[in-house]
Amino acid sequence: MTTRAPHVAIVDYGLGNLFSIQRACEQAGLSVSITSDAAKLETSDAVLLPGVGAFATAMESLQNLGLTGPVKELALSGKPLIGICLGMQLLMTESREFGRCAGLGLIEGTVERLPGGGGTGLKVPHVGWSPICEPVPGAWRGTLFDGVENKAYMYFVHSYYVRPKDEGTILSKSRFGERDFCSAIGRGTIMGCQFHPERSGPEGLRIYRNIHRLLSEGEIE
């Protein structure tokens, strides 16, 4: 007797490192489809929303493909939705990148530019390896980060970060210069990572394995 592997759908809207995410999911034992078909998102066990580039361009692309409404409806219905990098930022109410642009509004808060330039000595974008930290001890138990080492290094490429209104939605914090910023977020079955777990070695792959385990056990459904 065989057990069906949980199936995740990766949203293809032209702005994501889709195939590296696909490989990480497959390595974790998940079955995967890359799609811009809302019906295929609906039949998946979870939806992954990737993204690199500009916030407004991403929202426009989702809208043009007719995916904005379906993605929001699926998330609000309880379908697990996991945003990665720009995909996490799209979960928020709005971005301040090149003016104001409305996001999916699934988690209340804003997307703002990292402090850098001028006399700070900090270069934006933030590119490279930085640790992620539990906001409080035990916060990762039963989440996508279960078993990930506190202060594990993950790979980041970003110029903007999220500021959720409810600090209770922060799953991890990281540091840029002298400022802590939210590097992962979660509210119910809606979650996101600012970093790229698929490019973050064994600790990053553990996050995809946790997706498999939690879906298999019905802990996120």
N, C-alpha and C. Protein backbone atom coordinates (compact mmCIF):
# COMPACT_ATOMS: atom_id res chain seq x y z
N MET A 1 0.85 -1.20 0.00
CA MET A 1 0.00 0.00 0.00
C MET A 1 0.89 1.25 0.00
N THR A 2 0.62 2.19 -0.92
CA THR A 2 1.42 3.40 -1.02
C THR A 2 0.61 4.59 -0.54
N THR A 3 1.30 5.58 -0.02
CA THR A 3 0.67 6.82 0.43
C THR A 3 0.95 7.91 -0.58
N ARG A 4 -0.09 8.63 -0.96
CA ARG A 4 0.08 9.70 -1.94
C ARG A 4 0.92 10.83 -1.36
N ALA A 5 1.90 11.28 -2.14
CA ALA A 5 2.72 12.41 -1.71
C ALA A 5 1.87 13.68 -1.75
N PRO A 6 1.97 14.54 -0.75
CA PRO A 6 1.26 15.82 -0.81
C PRO A 6 1.64 16.58 -2.07
N HIS A 7 0.65 17.24 -2.66
CA HIS A 7 0.89 17.95 -3.92
C HIS A 7 0.86 19.46 -3.67
N VAL A 8 1.91 20.14 -4.11
CA VAL A 8 1.97 21.59 -4.01
C VAL A 8 1.98 22.20 -5.41
N ALA A 9 1.30 23.32 -5.56
CA ALA A 9 1.27 24.05 -6.82
C ALA A 9 2.10 25.32 -6.66
N ILE A 10 3.05 25.52 -7.55
CA ILE A 10 3.87 26.74 -7.56
C ILE A 10 3.26 27.70 -8.57
N VAL A 11 2.92 28.89 -8.10
CA VAL A 11 2.24 29.87 -8.97
C VAL A 11 3.24 30.44 -9.96
N ASP A 12 2.93 30.28 -11.25
CA ASP A 12 3.78 30.81 -12.32
C ASP A 12 3.14 32.09 -12.86
N TYR A 13 3.71 33.21 -12.47
CA TYR A 13 3.22 34.49 -13.01
C TYR A 13 4.37 35.29 -13.61
N GLY A 14 5.46 34.58 -13.95
CA GLY A 14 6.56 35.19 -14.69
C GLY A 14 7.62 35.85 -13.86
N LEU A 15 7.57 35.72 -12.51
CA LEU A 15 8.52 36.44 -11.66
C LEU A 15 9.02 35.57 -10.52
N GLY A 16 9.54 34.41 -10.82
CA GLY A 16 10.03 33.56 -9.72
C GLY A 16 11.07 32.57 -10.18
N ASN A 17 11.88 32.13 -9.23
CA ASN A 17 12.87 31.08 -9.51
C ASN A 17 12.18 29.72 -9.34
N LEU A 18 11.31 29.42 -10.28
CA LEU A 18 10.37 28.32 -10.14
C LEU A 18 11.05 26.97 -10.05
N PHE A 19 12.07 26.76 -10.87
CA PHE A 19 12.62 25.41 -10.99
C PHE A 19 13.50 25.04 -9.80
N SER A 20 14.17 26.01 -9.18
CA SER A 20 14.93 25.69 -7.97
C SER A 20 13.98 25.34 -6.83
N ILE A 21 12.82 26.00 -6.77
CA ILE A 21 11.81 25.65 -5.77
C ILE A 21 11.24 24.27 -6.07
N GLN A 22 10.98 24.00 -7.34
CA GLN A 22 10.47 22.69 -7.72
C GLN A 22 11.43 21.58 -7.31
N ARG A 23 12.72 21.78 -7.56
CA ARG A 23 13.71 20.76 -7.21
C ARG A 23 13.75 20.53 -5.70
N ALA A 24 13.69 21.62 -4.92
CA ALA A 24 13.71 21.48 -3.46
C ALA A 24 12.48 20.73 -2.97
N CYS A 25 11.31 21.04 -3.55
CA CYS A 25 10.08 20.34 -3.17
C CYS A 25 10.18 18.86 -3.48
N GLU A 26 10.67 18.53 -4.67
CA GLU A 26 10.80 17.13 -5.06
C GLU A 26 11.80 16.40 -4.18
N GLN A 27 12.88 17.09 -3.83
CA GLN A 27 13.87 16.47 -2.95
C GLN A 27 13.27 16.17 -1.58
N ALA A 28 12.29 16.99 -1.17
CA ALA A 28 11.62 16.78 0.12
C ALA A 28 10.48 15.76 0.03
N GLY A 29 10.24 15.21 -1.17
CA GLY A 29 9.23 14.18 -1.33
C GLY A 29 7.85 14.67 -1.72
N LEU A 30 7.74 15.96 -2.04
CA LEU A 30 6.47 16.52 -2.47
C LEU A 30 6.27 16.30 -3.97
N SER A 31 5.03 16.14 -4.40
CA SER A 31 4.74 16.20 -5.83
C SER A 31 4.43 17.66 -6.17
N VAL A 32 4.80 18.07 -7.37
CA VAL A 32 4.80 19.50 -7.70
C VAL A 32 4.22 19.75 -9.08
N SER A 33 3.49 20.85 -9.20
CA SER A 33 3.14 21.38 -10.52
C SER A 33 3.44 22.87 -10.52
N ILE A 34 3.87 23.37 -11.67
CA ILE A 34 4.09 24.80 -11.88
C ILE A 34 2.97 25.26 -12.79
N THR A 35 2.17 26.22 -12.33
CA THR A 35 0.95 26.53 -13.07
C THR A 35 0.50 27.97 -12.90
N SER A 36 -0.21 28.46 -13.90
CA SER A 36 -0.92 29.74 -13.78
C SER A 36 -2.42 29.50 -13.94
N ASP A 37 -2.84 28.25 -13.77
CA ASP A 37 -4.24 27.85 -13.89
C ASP A 37 -4.87 27.81 -12.49
N ALA A 38 -5.84 28.67 -12.26
CA ALA A 38 -6.48 28.75 -10.94
C ALA A 38 -7.11 27.42 -10.54
N ALA A 39 -7.63 26.66 -11.50
CA ALA A 39 -8.26 25.38 -11.18
C ALA A 39 -7.24 24.40 -10.63
N LYS A 40 -6.00 24.45 -11.12
CA LYS A 40 -4.97 23.55 -10.62
C LYS A 40 -4.50 23.97 -9.23
N LEU A 41 -4.53 25.27 -8.96
CA LEU A 41 -4.22 25.72 -7.60
C LEU A 41 -5.25 25.16 -6.62
N GLU A 42 -6.50 25.14 -7.05
CA GLU A 42 -7.58 24.69 -6.17
C GLU A 42 -7.46 23.22 -5.82
N THR A 43 -6.94 22.41 -6.74
CA THR A 43 -6.86 20.97 -6.48
C THR A 43 -5.58 20.56 -5.76
N SER A 44 -4.69 21.51 -5.50
CA SER A 44 -3.45 21.21 -4.80
C SER A 44 -3.69 21.13 -3.29
N ASP A 45 -2.73 20.56 -2.58
CA ASP A 45 -2.79 20.53 -1.12
C ASP A 45 -2.28 21.82 -0.50
N ALA A 46 -1.40 22.52 -1.22
CA ALA A 46 -0.85 23.80 -0.76
C ALA A 46 -0.39 24.58 -1.98
N VAL A 47 -0.32 25.89 -1.83
CA VAL A 47 0.11 26.78 -2.91
C VAL A 47 1.37 27.51 -2.47
N LEU A 48 2.38 27.50 -3.33
CA LEU A 48 3.60 28.26 -3.10
C LEU A 48 3.61 29.47 -4.02
N LEU A 49 3.80 30.64 -3.44
CA LEU A 49 3.83 31.89 -4.21
C LEU A 49 5.25 32.43 -4.18
N PRO A 50 6.03 32.22 -5.24
CA PRO A 50 7.41 32.72 -5.27
C PRO A 50 7.44 34.16 -5.76
N GLY A 51 8.62 34.65 -6.05
CA GLY A 51 8.71 35.97 -6.64
C GLY A 51 10.05 36.64 -6.45
N VAL A 52 10.52 37.27 -7.51
CA VAL A 52 11.67 38.16 -7.46
C VAL A 52 11.32 39.37 -8.32
N GLY A 53 11.84 40.55 -7.95
CA GLY A 53 11.57 41.73 -8.74
C GLY A 53 10.72 42.74 -8.01
N ALA A 54 9.97 43.53 -8.78
CA ALA A 54 9.23 44.66 -8.24
C ALA A 54 7.82 44.25 -7.81
N PHE A 55 7.38 44.79 -6.69
CA PHE A 55 6.08 44.49 -6.11
C PHE A 55 4.94 44.82 -7.07
N ALA A 56 4.94 46.03 -7.61
CA ALA A 56 3.83 46.46 -8.47
C ALA A 56 3.75 45.61 -9.73
N THR A 57 4.90 45.26 -10.29
CA THR A 57 4.92 44.41 -11.49
C THR A 57 4.33 43.05 -11.18
N ALA A 58 4.66 42.51 -10.00
CA ALA A 58 4.13 41.21 -9.60
C ALA A 58 2.62 41.25 -9.44
N MET A 59 2.11 42.27 -8.76
CA MET A 59 0.66 42.37 -8.58
C MET A 59 -0.05 42.54 -9.92
N GLU A 60 0.54 43.32 -10.83
CA GLU A 60 -0.06 43.50 -12.15
C GLU A 60 -0.10 42.18 -12.91
N SER A 61 0.99 41.41 -12.82
CA SER A 61 1.04 40.12 -13.51
C SER A 61 -0.01 39.16 -12.96
N LEU A 62 -0.14 39.08 -11.63
CA LEU A 62 -1.16 38.23 -11.03
C LEU A 62 -2.56 38.65 -11.50
N GLN A 63 -2.78 39.97 -11.54
CA GLN A 63 -4.08 40.48 -11.95
C GLN A 63 -4.36 40.14 -13.41
N ASN A 64 -3.37 40.33 -14.28
CA ASN A 64 -3.56 40.07 -15.71
C ASN A 64 -3.84 38.59 -15.99
N LEU A 65 -3.30 37.72 -15.15
CA LEU A 65 -3.53 36.28 -15.32
C LEU A 65 -4.82 35.81 -14.63
N GLY A 66 -5.52 36.75 -14.00
CA GLY A 66 -6.75 36.39 -13.30
C GLY A 66 -6.52 35.56 -12.05
N LEU A 67 -5.36 35.78 -11.40
CA LEU A 67 -5.00 34.95 -10.25
C LEU A 67 -5.16 35.66 -8.91
N THR A 68 -5.30 36.97 -8.91
CA THR A 68 -5.38 37.70 -7.64
C THR A 68 -6.55 37.21 -6.79
N GLY A 69 -7.74 37.19 -7.38
CA GLY A 69 -8.92 36.75 -6.64
C GLY A 69 -8.83 35.30 -6.21
N PRO A 70 -8.50 34.37 -7.12
CA PRO A 70 -8.40 32.96 -6.73
C PRO A 70 -7.38 32.69 -5.62
N VAL A 71 -6.22 33.32 -5.69
CA VAL A 71 -5.20 33.09 -4.65
C VAL A 71 -5.72 33.57 -3.30
N LYS A 72 -6.34 34.75 -3.27
CA LYS A 72 -6.90 35.26 -2.02
C LYS A 72 -8.00 34.35 -1.49
N GLU A 73 -8.90 33.93 -2.37
CA GLU A 73 -10.01 33.09 -1.94
C GLU A 73 -9.53 31.75 -1.40
N LEU A 74 -8.54 31.15 -2.06
CA LEU A 74 -8.02 29.87 -1.59
C LEU A 74 -7.38 30.03 -0.21
N ALA A 75 -6.59 31.11 -0.05
CA ALA A 75 -5.94 31.34 1.25
C ALA A 75 -6.97 31.56 2.35
N LEU A 76 -7.99 32.34 2.07
CA LEU A 76 -9.01 32.64 3.07
C LEU A 76 -9.89 31.42 3.37
N SER A 77 -9.92 30.46 2.45
CA SER A 77 -10.70 29.24 2.67
C SER A 77 -9.95 28.24 3.54
N GLY A 78 -8.65 28.52 3.81
CA GLY A 78 -7.85 27.62 4.63
C GLY A 78 -6.82 26.82 3.86
N LYS A 79 -6.78 26.99 2.54
CA LYS A 79 -5.73 26.33 1.75
C LYS A 79 -4.38 26.91 2.15
N PRO A 80 -3.40 26.07 2.54
CA PRO A 80 -2.09 26.61 2.90
C PRO A 80 -1.47 27.40 1.76
N LEU A 81 -1.04 28.60 2.05
CA LEU A 81 -0.38 29.48 1.09
C LEU A 81 0.94 29.93 1.68
N ILE A 82 2.03 29.68 0.95
CA ILE A 82 3.37 29.98 1.45
C ILE A 82 4.06 30.89 0.46
N GLY A 83 4.37 32.12 0.87
CA GLY A 83 5.07 33.07 0.02
C GLY A 83 6.57 33.02 0.25
N ILE A 84 7.33 33.15 -0.83
CA ILE A 84 8.79 33.11 -0.75
C ILE A 84 9.35 34.38 -1.36
N CYS A 85 10.19 35.08 -0.60
CA CYS A 85 10.84 36.34 -1.00
C CYS A 85 9.77 37.36 -1.38
N LEU A 86 9.72 37.83 -2.61
CA LEU A 86 8.68 38.77 -3.02
C LEU A 86 7.29 38.19 -2.78
N GLY A 87 7.17 36.88 -2.91
CA GLY A 87 5.89 36.23 -2.66
C GLY A 87 5.38 36.48 -1.25
N MET A 88 6.29 36.54 -0.27
CA MET A 88 5.88 36.87 1.09
C MET A 88 5.41 38.32 1.17
N GLN A 89 6.10 39.22 0.51
CA GLN A 89 5.72 40.63 0.54
C GLN A 89 4.33 40.85 -0.06
N LEU A 90 3.99 40.05 -1.07
CA LEU A 90 2.69 40.20 -1.72
C LEU A 90 1.53 39.86 -0.78
N LEU A 91 1.81 39.14 0.29
CA LEU A 91 0.75 38.79 1.24
C LEU A 91 0.26 40.00 2.03
N MET A 92 1.04 41.07 2.05
CA MET A 92 0.76 42.20 2.93
C MET A 92 -0.30 43.15 2.34
N THR A 93 -0.69 44.12 3.16
CA THR A 93 -1.71 45.09 2.74
C THR A 93 -1.22 45.96 1.60
N GLU A 94 -0.01 46.51 1.74
CA GLU A 94 0.51 47.37 0.68
C GLU A 94 2.02 47.48 0.76
N SER A 95 2.62 47.90 -0.37
CA SER A 95 4.05 48.14 -0.44
C SER A 95 4.31 49.62 -0.64
N ARG A 96 5.45 50.08 -0.10
CA ARG A 96 5.87 51.48 -0.29
C ARG A 96 6.97 51.56 -1.35
N GLU A 97 7.10 50.54 -2.17
CA GLU A 97 8.12 50.52 -3.22
C GLU A 97 7.67 51.37 -4.39
N PHE A 98 8.40 52.45 -4.68
CA PHE A 98 8.06 53.37 -5.78
C PHE A 98 6.62 53.88 -5.64
N GLY A 99 6.30 54.40 -4.46
CA GLY A 99 4.94 54.82 -4.18
C GLY A 99 4.18 53.72 -3.48
N ARG A 100 2.88 53.85 -3.39
CA ARG A 100 2.05 52.87 -2.70
C ARG A 100 1.39 51.94 -3.71
N CYS A 101 1.39 50.66 -3.38
CA CYS A 101 0.75 49.67 -4.24
C CYS A 101 0.08 48.64 -3.34
N ALA A 102 -1.20 48.37 -3.60
CA ALA A 102 -1.94 47.41 -2.78
C ALA A 102 -1.45 45.99 -3.04
N GLY A 103 -1.35 45.20 -1.94
CA GLY A 103 -1.00 43.80 -2.05
C GLY A 103 -2.23 42.93 -1.95
N LEU A 104 -2.04 41.66 -1.62
CA LEU A 104 -3.15 40.73 -1.49
C LEU A 104 -3.97 40.99 -0.23
N GLY A 105 -3.37 41.65 0.76
CA GLY A 105 -4.11 42.01 1.97
C GLY A 105 -4.47 40.84 2.86
N LEU A 106 -3.68 39.77 2.81
CA LEU A 106 -3.96 38.60 3.63
C LEU A 106 -3.37 38.72 5.03
N ILE A 107 -2.32 39.51 5.18
CA ILE A 107 -1.74 39.82 6.48
C ILE A 107 -1.60 41.34 6.55
N GLU A 108 -2.13 41.94 7.59
CA GLU A 108 -2.13 43.39 7.68
C GLU A 108 -0.72 43.91 7.97
N GLY A 109 -0.28 44.86 7.15
CA GLY A 109 1.04 45.44 7.33
C GLY A 109 1.57 45.99 6.02
N THR A 110 2.77 46.55 6.09
CA THR A 110 3.36 47.22 4.94
C THR A 110 4.68 46.57 4.53
N VAL A 111 5.11 46.93 3.33
CA VAL A 111 6.42 46.51 2.81
C VAL A 111 7.24 47.78 2.62
N GLU A 112 8.41 47.83 3.27
CA GLU A 112 9.20 49.05 3.28
C GLU A 112 10.65 48.77 2.90
N ARG A 113 11.35 49.80 2.48
CA ARG A 113 12.72 49.65 2.01
C ARG A 113 13.68 49.47 3.20
N LEU A 114 14.64 48.60 3.02
CA LEU A 114 15.69 48.45 4.03
C LEU A 114 16.45 49.75 4.19
N PRO A 115 16.84 50.09 5.41
CA PRO A 115 17.63 51.32 5.59
C PRO A 115 19.05 51.10 5.10
N GLY A 116 19.51 51.95 4.23
CA GLY A 116 20.86 51.80 3.70
C GLY A 116 21.25 53.02 2.90
N GLY A 117 22.49 53.01 2.40
CA GLY A 117 22.96 54.15 1.65
C GLY A 117 23.33 55.29 2.57
N GLY A 118 23.60 56.44 1.98
CA GLY A 118 23.98 57.60 2.77
C GLY A 118 25.20 57.31 3.61
N GLY A 119 25.14 57.65 4.90
CA GLY A 119 26.28 57.41 5.78
C GLY A 119 26.19 56.12 6.56
N THR A 120 25.24 55.23 6.18
CA THR A 120 25.05 54.01 6.96
C THR A 120 26.14 52.97 6.70
N GLY A 121 26.77 53.04 5.53
CA GLY A 121 27.74 52.01 5.17
C GLY A 121 27.11 50.71 4.76
N LEU A 122 25.77 50.67 4.64
CA LEU A 122 25.06 49.45 4.28
C LEU A 122 24.67 49.49 2.80
N LYS A 123 24.89 48.39 2.14
CA LYS A 123 24.53 48.30 0.72
C LYS A 123 23.19 47.59 0.57
N VAL A 124 22.31 48.22 -0.18
CA VAL A 124 21.01 47.65 -0.52
C VAL A 124 21.02 47.39 -2.03
N PRO A 125 20.67 46.19 -2.49
CA PRO A 125 19.98 45.13 -1.76
C PRO A 125 20.86 44.36 -0.79
N HIS A 126 20.19 43.73 0.16
CA HIS A 126 20.82 42.81 1.09
C HIS A 126 20.96 41.47 0.37
N VAL A 127 22.19 41.09 0.07
CA VAL A 127 22.45 39.85 -0.66
C VAL A 127 23.43 39.01 0.15
N GLY A 128 23.05 37.78 0.45
CA GLY A 128 23.96 36.89 1.14
C GLY A 128 23.31 36.15 2.29
N TRP A 129 24.16 35.58 3.13
CA TRP A 129 23.71 34.71 4.21
C TRP A 129 23.56 35.49 5.52
N SER A 130 22.39 35.33 6.15
CA SER A 130 22.13 35.96 7.45
C SER A 130 21.36 34.98 8.32
N PRO A 131 21.54 35.05 9.65
CA PRO A 131 20.80 34.14 10.53
C PRO A 131 19.35 34.54 10.69
N ILE A 132 18.52 33.54 10.92
CA ILE A 132 17.12 33.78 11.30
C ILE A 132 16.96 33.36 12.76
N CYS A 133 16.20 34.14 13.51
CA CYS A 133 16.11 33.92 14.96
C CYS A 133 14.65 33.74 15.38
N GLU A 134 14.43 32.78 16.28
CA GLU A 134 13.11 32.62 16.88
C GLU A 134 12.74 33.88 17.65
N PRO A 135 11.54 34.41 17.46
CA PRO A 135 11.16 35.61 18.22
C PRO A 135 11.07 35.34 19.72
N VAL A 136 10.60 34.14 20.08
CA VAL A 136 10.58 33.70 21.48
C VAL A 136 10.88 32.20 21.49
N PRO A 137 11.48 31.67 22.56
CA PRO A 137 11.78 30.24 22.60
C PRO A 137 10.52 29.39 22.39
N GLY A 138 10.65 28.39 21.53
CA GLY A 138 9.53 27.48 21.27
C GLY A 138 8.57 27.94 20.19
N ALA A 139 8.81 29.12 19.63
CA ALA A 139 7.88 29.67 18.63
C ALA A 139 7.83 28.82 17.36
N TRP A 140 8.90 28.07 17.09
CA TRP A 140 8.93 27.29 15.85
C TRP A 140 8.34 25.90 15.99
N ARG A 141 8.01 25.50 17.21
CA ARG A 141 7.47 24.16 17.41
C ARG A 141 6.15 24.00 16.66
N GLY A 142 6.06 22.97 15.83
CA GLY A 142 4.84 22.71 15.09
C GLY A 142 4.63 23.57 13.86
N THR A 143 5.65 24.36 13.48
CA THR A 143 5.56 25.24 12.31
C THR A 143 6.48 24.73 11.21
N LEU A 144 6.56 25.49 10.12
CA LEU A 144 7.48 25.16 9.03
C LEU A 144 8.93 25.14 9.49
N PHE A 145 9.22 25.78 10.63
CA PHE A 145 10.59 25.89 11.11
C PHE A 145 10.93 24.88 12.19
N ASP A 146 10.02 23.96 12.44
CA ASP A 146 10.24 22.95 13.47
C ASP A 146 11.53 22.18 13.16
N GLY A 147 12.45 22.16 14.10
CA GLY A 147 13.71 21.45 13.91
C GLY A 147 14.81 22.27 13.27
N VAL A 148 14.48 23.44 12.72
CA VAL A 148 15.51 24.33 12.18
C VAL A 148 16.28 24.93 13.35
N GLU A 149 17.58 24.98 13.22
CA GLU A 149 18.41 25.51 14.30
C GLU A 149 18.19 27.01 14.46
N ASN A 150 17.95 27.44 15.70
CA ASN A 150 17.85 28.88 15.94
C ASN A 150 19.15 29.55 15.51
N LYS A 151 19.04 30.67 14.81
CA LYS A 151 20.16 31.41 14.24
C LYS A 151 20.82 30.68 13.08
N ALA A 152 20.07 29.76 12.45
CA ALA A 152 20.55 29.13 11.22
C ALA A 152 20.69 30.19 10.14
N TYR A 153 21.70 30.04 9.31
CA TYR A 153 21.93 31.00 8.23
C TYR A 153 21.10 30.63 7.01
N MET A 154 20.42 31.61 6.45
CA MET A 154 19.62 31.45 5.24
C MET A 154 20.06 32.49 4.21
N TYR A 155 19.72 32.21 2.97
CA TYR A 155 20.20 33.07 1.87
C TYR A 155 19.13 34.11 1.49
N PHE A 156 19.53 35.37 1.52
CA PHE A 156 18.64 36.51 1.24
C PHE A 156 19.07 37.25 -0.02
N VAL A 157 18.08 37.74 -0.76
CA VAL A 157 18.29 38.71 -1.84
C VAL A 157 17.07 39.63 -1.84
N HIS A 158 17.21 40.81 -1.22
CA HIS A 158 16.04 41.70 -1.15
C HIS A 158 16.45 43.12 -0.78
N SER A 159 15.59 44.05 -1.20
CA SER A 159 15.77 45.46 -0.86
C SER A 159 14.66 45.96 0.06
N TYR A 160 13.60 45.18 0.19
CA TYR A 160 12.44 45.57 1.00
C TYR A 160 12.13 44.48 2.02
N TYR A 161 11.43 44.85 3.07
CA TYR A 161 11.06 43.91 4.13
C TYR A 161 9.64 44.19 4.59
N VAL A 162 9.02 43.24 5.25
CA VAL A 162 7.64 43.42 5.70
C VAL A 162 7.61 43.92 7.14
N ARG A 163 6.62 44.77 7.41
CA ARG A 163 6.35 45.25 8.77
C ARG A 163 4.90 44.91 9.11
N PRO A 164 4.66 43.74 9.70
CA PRO A 164 3.28 43.38 10.04
C PRO A 164 2.75 44.23 11.19
N LYS A 165 1.46 44.53 11.13
CA LYS A 165 0.85 45.30 12.21
C LYS A 165 0.84 44.51 13.51
N ASP A 166 0.57 43.20 13.41
CA ASP A 166 0.52 42.33 14.57
C ASP A 166 1.87 41.61 14.70
N GLU A 167 2.65 41.97 15.71
CA GLU A 167 3.96 41.34 15.88
C GLU A 167 3.84 39.86 16.22
N GLY A 168 2.66 39.42 16.62
CA GLY A 168 2.44 38.01 16.89
C GLY A 168 2.49 37.15 15.64
N THR A 169 2.45 37.78 14.46
CA THR A 169 2.54 37.02 13.21
C THR A 169 3.99 36.78 12.78
N ILE A 170 4.95 37.38 13.50
CA ILE A 170 6.36 37.24 13.12
C ILE A 170 6.86 35.85 13.54
N LEU A 171 7.35 35.08 12.56
CA LEU A 171 7.89 33.75 12.84
C LEU A 171 9.41 33.77 13.01
N SER A 172 10.08 34.70 12.35
CA SER A 172 11.52 34.83 12.57
C SER A 172 11.94 36.27 12.33
N LYS A 173 13.04 36.63 12.99
CA LYS A 173 13.64 37.94 12.81
C LYS A 173 15.08 37.77 12.33
N SER A 174 15.53 38.73 11.55
CA SER A 174 16.92 38.79 11.11
C SER A 174 17.39 40.22 11.26
N ARG A 175 18.68 40.45 11.01
CA ARG A 175 19.24 41.77 11.25
C ARG A 175 19.93 42.30 10.00
N PHE A 176 19.70 43.58 9.73
CA PHE A 176 20.39 44.29 8.65
C PHE A 176 20.96 45.55 9.27
N GLY A 177 22.29 45.60 9.39
CA GLY A 177 22.91 46.70 10.10
C GLY A 177 22.51 46.67 11.56
N GLU A 178 21.91 47.76 12.04
CA GLU A 178 21.47 47.84 13.43
C GLU A 178 19.98 47.58 13.60
N ARG A 179 19.32 47.15 12.52
CA ARG A 179 17.87 47.00 12.58
C ARG A 179 17.46 45.54 12.44
N ASP A 180 16.59 45.09 13.36
CA ASP A 180 15.95 43.79 13.21
C ASP A 180 14.77 43.94 12.24
N PHE A 181 14.58 42.93 11.41
CA PHE A 181 13.43 42.95 10.51
C PHE A 181 12.78 41.58 10.50
N CYS A 182 11.53 41.55 10.12
CA CYS A 182 10.77 40.31 10.04
C CYS A 182 11.24 39.52 8.82
N SER A 183 11.75 38.30 9.06
CA SER A 183 12.24 37.49 7.94
C SER A 183 11.36 36.29 7.64
N ALA A 184 10.34 36.07 8.46
CA ALA A 184 9.32 35.05 8.17
C ALA A 184 8.06 35.41 8.94
N ILE A 185 6.94 35.00 8.39
CA ILE A 185 5.66 35.43 8.94
C ILE A 185 4.66 34.29 8.86
N GLY A 186 3.68 34.30 9.74
CA GLY A 186 2.66 33.28 9.69
C GLY A 186 1.40 33.70 10.41
N ARG A 187 0.27 33.44 9.78
CA ARG A 187 -1.04 33.64 10.41
C ARG A 187 -1.93 32.50 9.95
N GLY A 188 -2.13 31.52 10.82
CA GLY A 188 -2.89 30.35 10.43
C GLY A 188 -2.17 29.59 9.32
N THR A 189 -2.87 29.35 8.23
CA THR A 189 -2.29 28.60 7.11
C THR A 189 -1.65 29.51 6.06
N ILE A 190 -1.50 30.80 6.38
CA ILE A 190 -0.85 31.75 5.49
C ILE A 190 0.53 32.06 6.06
N MET A 191 1.57 31.74 5.30
CA MET A 191 2.94 31.84 5.81
C MET A 191 3.86 32.41 4.74
N GLY A 192 5.04 32.85 5.17
CA GLY A 192 6.00 33.35 4.19
C GLY A 192 7.41 33.45 4.74
N CYS A 193 8.38 33.40 3.82
CA CYS A 193 9.80 33.55 4.14
C CYS A 193 10.38 34.64 3.26
N GLN A 194 11.10 35.59 3.84
CA GLN A 194 11.77 36.60 3.03
C GLN A 194 13.00 36.01 2.33
N PHE A 195 13.63 35.05 2.96
CA PHE A 195 14.81 34.39 2.39
C PHE A 195 14.38 33.29 1.42
N HIS A 196 15.37 32.67 0.79
CA HIS A 196 15.13 31.60 -0.17
C HIS A 196 15.52 30.26 0.46
N PRO A 197 14.58 29.51 1.04
CA PRO A 197 14.95 28.23 1.64
C PRO A 197 15.52 27.25 0.63
N GLU A 198 15.08 27.35 -0.62
CA GLU A 198 15.57 26.42 -1.65
C GLU A 198 17.03 26.68 -2.02
N ARG A 199 17.58 27.81 -1.56
CA ARG A 199 18.99 28.13 -1.83
C ARG A 199 19.80 28.18 -0.53
N SER A 200 19.23 27.61 0.54
CA SER A 200 19.82 27.76 1.87
C SER A 200 20.33 26.45 2.47
N GLY A 201 20.71 25.50 1.62
CA GLY A 201 21.35 24.29 2.11
C GLY A 201 20.42 23.39 2.92
N PRO A 202 20.99 22.53 3.77
CA PRO A 202 20.19 21.55 4.52
C PRO A 202 19.13 22.18 5.42
N GLU A 203 19.44 23.31 6.06
CA GLU A 203 18.45 23.93 6.96
C GLU A 203 17.27 24.48 6.15
N GLY A 204 17.55 25.00 4.97
CA GLY A 204 16.46 25.46 4.11
C GLY A 204 15.61 24.31 3.60
N LEU A 205 16.27 23.21 3.23
CA LEU A 205 15.54 22.04 2.75
C LEU A 205 14.65 21.47 3.86
N ARG A 206 15.05 21.63 5.11
CA ARG A 206 14.23 21.15 6.22
C ARG A 206 12.85 21.82 6.21
N ILE A 207 12.79 23.07 5.76
CA ILE A 207 11.51 23.76 5.70
C ILE A 207 10.58 23.07 4.71
N TYR A 208 11.11 22.66 3.55
CA TYR A 208 10.29 21.94 2.57
C TYR A 208 9.89 20.56 3.10
N ARG A 209 10.78 19.93 3.83
CA ARG A 209 10.44 18.64 4.44
C ARG A 209 9.34 18.81 5.50
N ASN A 210 9.38 19.95 6.20
CA ASN A 210 8.31 20.23 7.16
C ASN A 210 6.98 20.47 6.47
N ILE A 211 7.01 21.09 5.29
CA ILE A 211 5.78 21.25 4.52
C ILE A 211 5.19 19.87 4.21
N HIS A 212 6.05 18.96 3.75
CA HIS A 212 5.62 17.59 3.46
C HIS A 212 5.02 16.93 4.71
N ARG A 213 5.73 17.03 5.82
CA ARG A 213 5.28 16.36 7.04
C ARG A 213 3.97 16.95 7.54
N LEU A 214 3.87 18.27 7.59
CA LEU A 214 2.67 18.90 8.10
C LEU A 214 1.46 18.64 7.23
N LEU A 215 1.65 18.63 5.91
CA LEU A 215 0.55 18.30 5.01
C LEU A 215 0.14 16.84 5.16
N SER A 216 1.13 15.96 5.29
CA SER A 216 0.84 14.53 5.44
C SER A 216 0.08 14.24 6.72
N GLU A 217 0.42 14.98 7.78
CA GLU A 217 -0.22 14.78 9.07
C GLU A 217 -1.49 15.59 9.26
N GLY A 218 -1.82 16.40 8.25
CA GLY A 218 -3.02 17.21 8.34
C GLY A 218 -2.90 18.37 9.31
N GLU A 219 -1.66 18.78 9.61
CA GLU A 219 -1.45 19.87 10.56
C GLU A 219 -1.64 21.24 9.91
N ILE A 220 -1.47 21.31 8.59
CA ILE A 220 -1.85 22.52 7.84
C ILE A 220 -2.74 22.08 6.69
N GLU A 221 -4.00 22.33 6.83
CA GLU A 221 -4.93 21.93 5.78
C GLU A 221 -6.18 22.78 5.89
